[in-house]
Amino acid sequence: MTTPAPLPRRNFLKTSAALAAGATLAPRFLTAAERTRSIGANDRIRIAQIGVGSRGRGAHLEKGIIPHLAATNFEVVAIADPWKKARTDTNAVIKATWGREAKEFESYQDLLAMDGIDAVMIASPDFHHTTHLEAVAKARKHIYVEKPLATEMDNLVRAYDAAKAAQAAGSIIQVGTQLRSFPGIVGARQLVKDGGIGKITRIDETRNSEKPYWYSYLNRDVKKEDVNWKEFLGNRPARPFNAVQYSAWYGYYEFCQGPVPQWGAHFLDLMHYVTGCGLPQSCMCMGGSTYWNDENKFTVPDNVIATWSYPEGFIVTSSNNFGNFAGNSRKFYGDKGTLAVDNWNAPTYSADGGPKRDGKIRGKMNVEPIPHPDHFLNWLQCMRDGQTPNASIDAGYQHAVAVLMAVISYDTGKKTFYDAAKRQIRTA
């Protein structure tokens, strides 16, 4: 089957920076005392959430922070989401946990105008991440923000600068690439650092599925009267309410740029963490909607592959095919052996394929896990002890640059390069 030409770069992206810059806020800035200390050991952390759909309610709240309630001291005091049902469902969880509901808002701006918030968790759609991160950073809150960090490079730079300024003023910022908090992944990092598989020349991920994940969000019974459609669209062009676009925004390119930013961000961050490498030098990406074409008119590629080169001397590839789930793997190829992270929680390594294998690796060996706090617990602890969390804003910037190099290559059909001095991505 012939792969269609890459989707053209959307005109609306050009206006996103100007529109976002026009947003007005009434932030509460940290006092001088707050800038010089973390939240005390016995002080209750007052947390707000921006975006309380399945990710915010499930991954962030129910599976994320609530399991650590006994070990820490916090409460969720405010939530913001354009969809009434999302707010209602999340407040049911909050009331069951704390015995009272959080204050509800449709807009993140109204939430940030509220007094008494210490920290904000951001689980909004991808295209909102930089807008919300910048606003929360300027309000000088502690932050947990989902990946991918950005969908446009200019917005990434602005949000990153705001986050760094907030960090300098005392804000603790954790990016939601949680694999680097898995004990097995921490152990894999140590294995590579100790030279266990030698010099790495190539790192590959193939992560496939029978069907694109955005189909699972269809038929959520979203009603127009329950949604603040303008708030959802944010800096995207106005259009009539569309329940399918709201429900399954993952499948529309102007809201989400597909599996490389979505799934690949986790892989790229893991790879950056395990190898300790810097930013990529160049990238090529190609793909298209090659199989799933139906009445939903999804525009996110269901078949895509991206390849990056790194100054450390290795090539990295991320591949996704939603027409066949066979062949999933995740490998680090070294000259003494191969590290396999096919199971996130239990990586293994062997001497397979290593031209300089020296007999120290016997058969297939389990990576020795290194105890490490859960990603959410790590963030909660860092707010008290002032330490840098495991997935810092710099780690988020690194994966975002790599992702955007692939996105721009896909959009233009050209090879991309990162200019570190100018913090720009250029094409060949």
Protein backbone atom coordinates (compact mmCIF):
# COMPACT_ATOMS: atom_id res chain seq x y z
CA MET A 1 0.00 0.00 0.00
CA THR A 2 1.33 3.45 -0.91
CA THR A 3 1.90 5.76 2.03
CA PRO A 4 0.22 9.16 1.59
CA ALA A 5 2.36 12.28 1.63
CA PRO A 6 2.95 13.72 5.12
CA LEU A 7 0.32 16.10 6.38
CA PRO A 8 1.22 19.77 5.75
CA ARG A 9 2.18 22.02 8.62
CA ARG A 10 -0.99 23.64 9.92
CA ASN A 11 -1.38 27.39 9.54
CA PHE A 12 -2.90 27.61 12.98
CA LEU A 13 0.45 26.70 14.55
CA LYS A 14 1.88 30.02 13.40
CA THR A 15 -0.55 31.98 15.55
CA SER A 16 -0.33 29.89 18.71
CA ALA A 17 2.44 31.90 20.35
CA ALA A 18 0.70 35.24 19.88
CA LEU A 19 -2.63 33.93 21.12
CA ALA A 20 -1.10 32.25 24.15
CA ALA A 21 0.86 35.39 25.00
CA GLY A 22 -2.41 37.32 25.15
CA ALA A 23 -3.80 35.26 28.03
CA THR A 24 -4.21 37.23 31.26
CA LEU A 25 -3.79 35.79 34.72
CA ALA A 26 -4.01 36.94 38.30
CA PRO A 27 -1.27 34.77 39.80
CA ARG A 28 -0.28 34.48 43.42
CA PHE A 29 3.51 34.80 43.65
CA LEU A 30 5.63 33.14 46.32
CA THR A 31 6.66 35.30 49.24
CA ALA A 32 10.34 35.84 50.00
CA ALA A 33 10.12 33.21 52.74
CA GLU A 34 8.51 30.70 50.40
CA ARG A 35 11.28 31.12 47.86
CA THR A 36 13.91 30.05 50.36
CA ARG A 37 12.25 26.94 51.81
CA SER A 38 10.35 23.84 50.82
CA ILE A 39 6.96 22.89 52.24
CA GLY A 40 7.51 21.85 55.84
CA ALA A 41 7.46 18.21 56.90
CA ASN A 42 4.09 18.57 58.65
CA ASP A 43 2.47 21.19 56.44
CA ARG A 44 -0.42 20.00 54.30
CA ILE A 45 0.30 20.44 50.57
CA ARG A 46 -2.72 21.94 48.81
CA ILE A 47 -2.87 20.54 45.28
CA ALA A 48 -4.96 21.63 42.28
CA GLN A 49 -5.49 19.72 39.03
CA ILE A 50 -5.80 21.12 35.50
CA GLY A 51 -7.34 18.43 33.31
CA VAL A 52 -9.26 15.72 35.16
CA GLY A 53 -10.24 13.36 32.38
CA SER A 54 -9.14 9.74 32.42
CA ARG A 55 -5.47 10.71 32.76
CA GLY A 56 -5.91 13.31 35.48
CA ARG A 57 -8.45 11.33 37.49
CA GLY A 58 -6.98 7.86 36.94
CA ALA A 59 -3.20 8.10 36.54
CA HIS A 60 -2.62 11.29 38.53
CA LEU A 61 -5.18 11.05 41.29
CA GLU A 62 -6.36 7.48 41.94
CA LYS A 63 -3.19 5.60 40.93
CA GLY A 64 -0.74 8.48 41.34
CA ILE A 65 -0.90 10.53 44.52
CA ILE A 66 -3.70 8.97 46.59
CA PRO A 67 -1.70 5.76 47.29
CA HIS A 68 0.86 7.99 49.05
CA LEU A 69 -1.61 9.84 51.24
CA ALA A 70 -0.68 7.86 54.35
CA ALA A 71 3.01 8.58 53.83
CA THR A 72 2.56 12.27 53.04
CA ASN A 73 0.18 15.08 53.92
CA PHE A 74 -1.75 16.65 51.07
CA GLU A 75 -5.23 17.35 49.77
CA VAL A 76 -6.73 18.21 46.39
CA VAL A 77 -8.52 21.53 46.79
CA ALA A 78 -9.37 22.60 43.23
CA ILE A 79 -9.95 21.07 39.79
CA ALA A 80 -10.34 22.62 36.33
CA ASP A 81 -11.69 20.92 33.21
CA PRO A 82 -13.94 22.08 30.33
CA TRP A 83 -16.16 18.97 30.68
CA LYS A 84 -18.71 18.86 33.49
CA LYS A 85 -18.75 15.05 33.66
CA ALA A 86 -14.97 14.91 34.16
CA ARG A 87 -15.23 17.35 37.05
CA THR A 88 -18.17 15.48 38.60
CA ASP A 89 -16.47 12.08 38.36
CA THR A 90 -13.22 13.43 39.80
CA ASN A 91 -14.94 15.20 42.66
CA ALA A 92 -16.61 11.91 43.57
CA VAL A 93 -13.13 10.43 44.07
CA ILE A 94 -11.99 13.49 46.03
CA LYS A 95 -15.04 13.41 48.32
CA ALA A 96 -14.57 9.68 48.96
CA THR A 97 -10.95 10.35 49.93
CA TRP A 98 -11.14 13.61 51.92
CA GLY A 99 -14.82 13.83 52.83
CA ARG A 100 -15.48 16.99 50.83
CA GLU A 101 -15.39 18.12 47.22
CA ALA A 102 -12.75 20.31 45.60
CA LYS A 103 -13.66 23.69 44.14
CA GLU A 104 -14.57 23.30 40.45
CA PHE A 105 -13.59 25.51 37.52
CA GLU A 106 -14.03 25.27 33.75
CA SER A 107 -10.92 27.37 33.08
CA TYR A 108 -7.36 27.02 34.33
CA GLN A 109 -7.19 30.81 34.61
CA ASP A 110 -9.93 30.90 37.23
CA LEU A 111 -8.24 28.08 39.13
CA LEU A 112 -4.94 29.97 39.24
CA ALA A 113 -6.69 33.06 40.60
CA MET A 114 -7.69 31.03 43.68
CA ASP A 115 -5.74 31.61 46.90
CA GLY A 116 -4.05 28.88 48.88
CA ILE A 117 -2.79 26.55 46.16
CA ASP A 118 0.72 25.15 46.63
CA ALA A 119 1.03 22.77 43.67
CA VAL A 120 -0.68 22.08 40.35
CA MET A 121 -0.88 18.87 38.34
CA ILE A 122 -1.35 19.30 34.58
CA ALA A 123 -3.04 16.50 32.61
CA SER A 124 -4.71 18.51 29.87
CA PRO A 125 -4.59 17.57 26.15
CA ASP A 126 -1.14 17.74 24.54
CA PHE A 127 -1.67 21.06 22.75
CA HIS A 128 -2.43 22.78 26.08
CA HIS A 129 0.67 21.63 27.97
CA THR A 130 2.90 24.62 27.26
CA THR A 131 0.09 27.14 27.85
CA HIS A 132 -0.75 25.61 31.21
CA LEU A 133 2.88 25.04 32.20
CA GLU A 134 3.80 28.65 31.46
CA ALA A 135 0.82 30.01 33.36
CA VAL A 136 1.36 27.81 36.41
CA ALA A 137 5.09 28.56 36.41
CA LYS A 138 4.40 32.30 36.35
CA ALA A 139 2.07 31.78 39.29
CA ARG A 140 5.07 30.21 41.08
CA LYS A 141 3.47 26.90 42.04
CA HIS A 142 5.04 23.48 42.34
CA ILE A 143 4.21 21.57 39.13
CA TYR A 144 3.63 18.07 37.82
CA VAL A 145 3.17 18.25 34.04
CA GLU A 146 2.36 15.50 31.56
CA LYS A 147 4.30 14.60 28.46
CA PRO A 148 4.83 15.39 25.65
CA LEU A 149 5.90 18.73 27.01
CA ALA A 150 5.11 20.68 23.81
CA THR A 151 3.57 20.57 20.35
CA GLU A 152 5.35 23.69 18.99
CA MET A 153 8.97 24.78 19.45
CA ASP A 154 8.35 28.48 20.13
CA ASN A 155 5.85 27.61 22.85
CA LEU A 156 8.29 25.09 24.33
CA VAL A 157 11.03 27.70 24.68
CA ARG A 158 8.70 30.20 26.33
CA ALA A 159 7.23 27.64 28.75
CA TYR A 160 10.66 26.23 29.55
CA ASP A 161 12.02 29.70 30.37
CA ALA A 162 9.05 30.39 32.64
CA ALA A 163 9.55 27.02 34.34
CA LYS A 164 13.27 27.66 34.90
CA ALA A 165 12.47 31.03 36.44
CA ALA A 166 9.92 29.37 38.72
CA GLN A 167 12.43 26.67 39.62
CA ALA A 168 14.97 29.34 40.57
CA ALA A 169 12.31 30.88 42.83
CA GLY A 170 11.68 27.57 44.59
CA SER A 171 9.16 25.65 42.46
CA ILE A 172 9.57 21.88 42.23
CA ILE A 173 8.76 20.68 38.70
CA GLN A 174 8.30 17.04 37.75
CA VAL A 175 7.60 15.93 34.17
CA GLY A 176 5.38 12.88 33.73
CA THR A 177 7.89 10.54 32.10
CA GLN A 178 7.67 8.08 34.96
CA LEU A 179 9.82 5.26 33.54
CA ARG A 180 12.96 6.85 34.97
CA SER A 181 11.51 6.18 38.43
CA PHE A 182 11.18 2.42 37.85
CA PRO A 183 13.80 0.48 39.88
CA GLY A 184 14.60 -1.71 36.87
CA ILE A 185 15.24 1.32 34.67
CA VAL A 186 17.43 2.92 37.35
CA GLY A 187 19.35 -0.37 37.38
CA ALA A 188 19.65 -0.31 33.58
CA ARG A 189 21.13 3.18 33.77
CA GLN A 190 23.75 1.92 36.23
CA LEU A 191 24.52 -1.09 34.03
CA VAL A 192 25.17 1.14 31.03
CA LYS A 193 27.14 3.65 33.11
CA ASP A 194 29.38 0.81 34.36
CA GLY A 195 30.05 -0.30 30.78
CA GLY A 196 28.06 -3.51 31.14
CA ILE A 197 27.10 -3.69 27.46
CA GLY A 198 30.02 -1.62 26.18
CA LYS A 199 29.79 1.16 23.64
CA ILE A 200 26.25 1.63 22.38
CA THR A 201 25.83 2.08 18.64
CA ARG A 202 22.08 1.75 18.14
CA ILE A 203 18.86 1.92 20.18
CA ASP A 204 15.55 0.76 18.71
CA GLU A 205 11.93 0.70 19.82
CA THR A 206 9.08 -0.98 17.96
CA ARG A 207 5.74 -0.53 19.71
CA ASN A 208 2.72 -1.67 17.71
CA SER A 209 -0.99 -2.31 18.15
CA GLU A 210 -3.92 -3.80 16.24
CA LYS A 211 -5.82 -0.53 16.47
CA PRO A 212 -4.93 3.11 17.28
CA TYR A 213 -5.46 3.98 20.93
CA TRP A 214 -7.60 7.01 20.08
CA TYR A 215 -10.50 4.75 19.06
CA SER A 216 -10.94 3.75 22.70
CA TYR A 217 -12.05 7.31 23.53
CA LEU A 218 -15.01 7.35 21.14
CA ASN A 219 -18.62 7.16 22.34
CA ARG A 220 -18.08 8.89 25.68
CA ASP A 221 -21.51 10.56 25.50
CA VAL A 222 -20.13 14.10 25.45
CA LYS A 223 -22.97 16.65 25.28
CA LYS A 224 -22.53 20.19 23.98
CA GLU A 225 -24.22 21.75 27.02
CA ASP A 226 -21.70 20.04 29.33
CA VAL A 227 -18.56 21.32 27.59
CA ASN A 228 -16.87 24.71 27.55
CA TRP A 229 -15.87 24.25 23.91
CA LYS A 230 -14.00 27.55 23.68
CA GLU A 231 -11.86 26.62 26.70
CA PHE A 232 -11.04 23.26 25.12
CA LEU A 233 -10.01 24.81 21.78
CA GLY A 234 -7.72 27.30 23.49
CA ASN A 235 -5.40 28.72 20.81
CA ARG A 236 -6.78 26.49 18.04
CA PRO A 237 -9.15 27.98 15.41
CA ALA A 238 -12.80 28.32 16.39
CA ARG A 239 -15.29 25.88 14.90
CA PRO A 240 -18.71 24.41 15.83
CA PHE A 241 -18.81 21.95 18.71
CA ASN A 242 -17.77 18.45 17.67
CA ALA A 243 -18.31 15.66 20.20
CA VAL A 244 -16.02 13.24 18.36
CA GLN A 245 -13.15 15.72 18.26
CA TYR A 246 -13.60 16.38 21.97
CA SER A 247 -13.85 12.72 22.94
CA ALA A 248 -11.08 11.37 20.73
CA TRP A 249 -8.79 14.40 20.45
CA TYR A 250 -5.82 11.99 20.47
CA GLY A 251 -6.71 11.15 16.85
CA TYR A 252 -6.66 14.71 15.46
CA TYR A 253 -3.31 16.16 14.48
CA GLU A 254 -4.03 19.72 15.57
CA PHE A 255 -4.59 18.47 19.14
CA CYS A 256 -2.13 15.56 19.29
CA GLN A 257 0.69 14.76 16.88
CA GLY A 258 0.52 11.02 17.22
CA PRO A 259 2.44 8.04 18.58
CA VAL A 260 5.95 9.53 18.32
CA PRO A 261 5.13 12.38 20.75
CA GLN A 262 2.74 10.21 22.77
CA TRP A 263 4.47 6.82 23.09
CA GLY A 264 7.86 7.86 21.74
CA ALA A 265 8.27 10.55 24.41
CA HIS A 266 8.44 7.80 27.04
CA PHE A 267 10.98 5.83 25.02
CA LEU A 268 13.11 8.88 24.24
CA ASP A 269 13.17 10.00 27.87
CA LEU A 270 14.04 6.48 29.01
CA MET A 271 16.85 6.36 26.44
CA HIS A 272 18.14 9.80 27.47
CA TYR A 273 18.10 8.72 31.12
CA VAL A 274 19.73 5.31 30.65
CA THR A 275 22.51 6.58 28.36
CA GLY A 276 23.01 10.02 29.92
CA CYS A 277 23.23 11.47 26.41
CA GLY A 278 22.62 15.02 25.27
CA LEU A 279 20.25 16.45 22.69
CA PRO A 280 19.95 14.86 19.23
CA GLN A 281 21.76 16.27 16.22
CA SER A 282 19.33 15.37 13.45
CA CYS A 283 16.12 13.49 12.70
CA MET A 284 14.10 12.02 9.85
CA CYS A 285 10.46 10.95 10.20
CA MET A 286 7.93 9.56 7.76
CA GLY A 287 4.52 7.93 7.90
CA GLY A 288 0.85 8.52 7.30
CA SER A 289 -2.69 7.23 7.72
CA THR A 290 -2.18 3.98 5.88
CA TYR A 291 -4.88 1.71 7.30
CA TRP A 292 -7.47 3.34 9.58
CA ASN A 293 -9.46 5.63 7.29
CA ASP A 294 -13.16 5.86 8.20
CA GLU A 295 -16.03 8.24 8.98
CA ASN A 296 -14.15 9.71 11.98
CA LYS A 297 -11.63 11.31 9.63
CA PHE A 298 -8.74 10.97 12.06
CA THR A 299 -5.60 12.80 10.91
CA VAL A 300 -2.94 11.36 13.23
CA PRO A 301 -0.60 8.87 11.48
CA ASP A 302 -1.30 5.21 12.22
CA ASN A 303 2.02 4.09 10.74
CA VAL A 304 5.14 6.13 11.51
CA ILE A 305 8.87 5.76 11.99
CA ALA A 306 11.42 8.31 13.24
CA THR A 307 15.21 8.10 13.40
CA TRP A 308 17.56 10.41 15.33
CA SER A 309 21.35 10.73 15.37
CA TYR A 310 23.10 11.67 18.63
CA PRO A 311 26.55 13.23 19.14
CA GLU A 312 27.51 10.29 21.39
CA GLY A 313 27.73 8.19 18.25
CA PHE A 314 24.53 6.15 18.25
CA ILE A 315 21.38 6.08 16.12
CA VAL A 316 17.92 5.88 17.71
CA THR A 317 14.74 4.65 16.01
CA SER A 318 11.11 4.69 17.17
CA SER A 319 8.52 2.83 15.09
CA ASN A 320 4.74 2.40 15.47
CA ASN A 321 2.33 0.41 13.32
CA PHE A 322 -1.37 0.24 14.19
CA GLY A 323 -2.18 -2.35 11.56
CA ASN A 324 -0.37 -5.27 13.23
CA PHE A 325 0.80 -5.66 16.82
CA ALA A 326 3.60 -8.19 16.20
CA GLY A 327 7.28 -7.41 16.73
CA ASN A 328 7.24 -5.21 19.83
CA SER A 329 10.71 -4.73 21.28
CA ARG A 330 13.04 -2.21 22.89
CA LYS A 331 16.78 -2.81 22.56
CA PHE A 332 20.08 -1.07 23.38
CA TYR A 333 22.83 -2.55 21.21
CA GLY A 334 26.37 -2.37 22.62
CA ASP A 335 29.66 -3.88 21.49
CA LYS A 336 29.71 -6.16 24.58
CA GLY A 337 26.06 -7.16 24.54
CA THR A 338 22.43 -6.12 24.31
CA LEU A 339 20.10 -4.55 26.88
CA ALA A 340 16.41 -5.42 26.38
CA VAL A 341 13.73 -3.26 27.97
CA ASP A 342 10.82 -5.19 26.46
CA ASN A 343 9.31 -5.32 29.96
CA TRP A 344 9.41 -1.87 31.57
CA ASN A 345 9.67 -3.37 35.05
CA ALA A 346 12.15 -6.16 34.35
CA PRO A 347 14.86 -5.34 31.79
CA THR A 348 17.36 -8.03 30.85
CA TYR A 349 20.76 -8.15 29.17
CA SER A 350 22.90 -10.69 27.35
CA ALA A 351 26.10 -10.93 25.33
CA ASP A 352 24.09 -11.47 22.15
CA GLY A 353 25.58 -9.75 19.13
CA GLY A 354 28.46 -8.02 20.91
CA PRO A 355 31.65 -8.11 18.81
CA LYS A 356 33.67 -7.37 21.97
CA ARG A 357 31.79 -9.71 24.32
CA ASP A 358 34.25 -10.80 26.99
CA GLY A 359 32.54 -13.71 28.72
CA LYS A 360 31.41 -11.67 31.74
CA ILE A 361 27.75 -11.96 30.71
CA ARG A 362 26.45 -15.51 31.02
CA GLY A 363 23.20 -16.20 29.18
CA LYS A 364 20.19 -13.94 29.67
CA MET A 365 20.61 -11.95 32.89
CA ASN A 366 18.16 -9.81 34.83
CA VAL A 367 19.13 -6.20 35.41
CA GLU A 368 19.64 -5.63 39.13
CA PRO A 369 16.90 -3.19 40.21
CA ILE A 370 17.88 -0.18 42.30
CA PRO A 371 15.21 0.93 44.83
CA HIS A 372 13.68 4.26 43.92
CA PRO A 373 10.57 6.17 45.03
CA ASP A 374 7.48 6.04 42.84
CA HIS A 375 7.37 8.99 40.41
CA PHE A 376 4.49 10.75 42.19
CA LEU A 377 5.96 10.08 45.63
CA ASN A 378 9.28 11.47 44.39
CA TRP A 379 7.52 14.73 43.46
CA LEU A 380 5.71 14.94 46.80
CA GLN A 381 8.94 14.29 48.70
CA CYS A 382 10.90 16.86 46.70
CA MET A 383 8.37 19.54 47.60
CA ARG A 384 9.38 18.96 51.22
CA ASP A 385 13.14 18.44 50.94
CA GLY A 386 13.84 20.81 48.05
CA GLN A 387 15.64 18.20 45.95
CA THR A 388 15.44 18.09 42.14
CA PRO A 389 12.84 15.51 41.06
CA ASN A 390 13.79 12.59 38.86
CA ALA A 391 12.25 13.96 35.65
CA SER A 392 13.30 17.60 35.81
CA ILE A 393 12.14 20.36 33.49
CA ASP A 394 15.48 19.98 31.67
CA ALA A 395 14.69 16.32 30.99
CA GLY A 396 11.29 17.42 29.71
CA TYR A 397 12.88 19.97 27.39
CA GLN A 398 15.24 17.30 26.06
CA HIS A 399 12.51 14.84 25.11
CA ALA A 400 10.34 17.65 23.72
CA VAL A 401 13.08 18.83 21.37
CA ALA A 402 13.61 15.29 20.08
CA VAL A 403 9.86 14.82 19.58
CA LEU A 404 9.46 18.14 17.76
CA MET A 405 12.36 17.35 15.46
CA ALA A 406 10.38 14.28 14.36
CA VAL A 407 7.11 16.23 14.08
CA ILE A 408 8.65 18.93 11.90
CA SER A 409 10.38 16.31 9.74
CA TYR A 410 7.04 14.53 9.29
CA ASP A 411 5.29 17.82 8.44
CA THR A 412 7.87 18.97 5.91
CA GLY A 413 9.27 15.72 4.56
CA LYS A 414 12.76 17.06 5.31
CA LYS A 415 15.60 16.18 7.66
CA THR A 416 15.69 18.34 10.78
CA PHE A 417 18.60 19.65 12.86
CA TYR A 418 18.66 21.20 16.33
CA ASP A 419 20.51 24.50 16.76
CA ALA A 420 21.38 24.58 20.47
CA ALA A 421 22.70 28.15 20.40
CA LYS A 422 19.47 29.55 18.92
CA ARG A 423 17.19 26.89 20.47
CA GLN A 424 15.63 26.34 17.08
CA ILE A 425 14.89 23.37 14.83
CA ARG A 426 15.82 23.88 11.21
CA THR A 427 15.27 21.74 8.13
CA ALA A 428 17.81 20.65 5.55
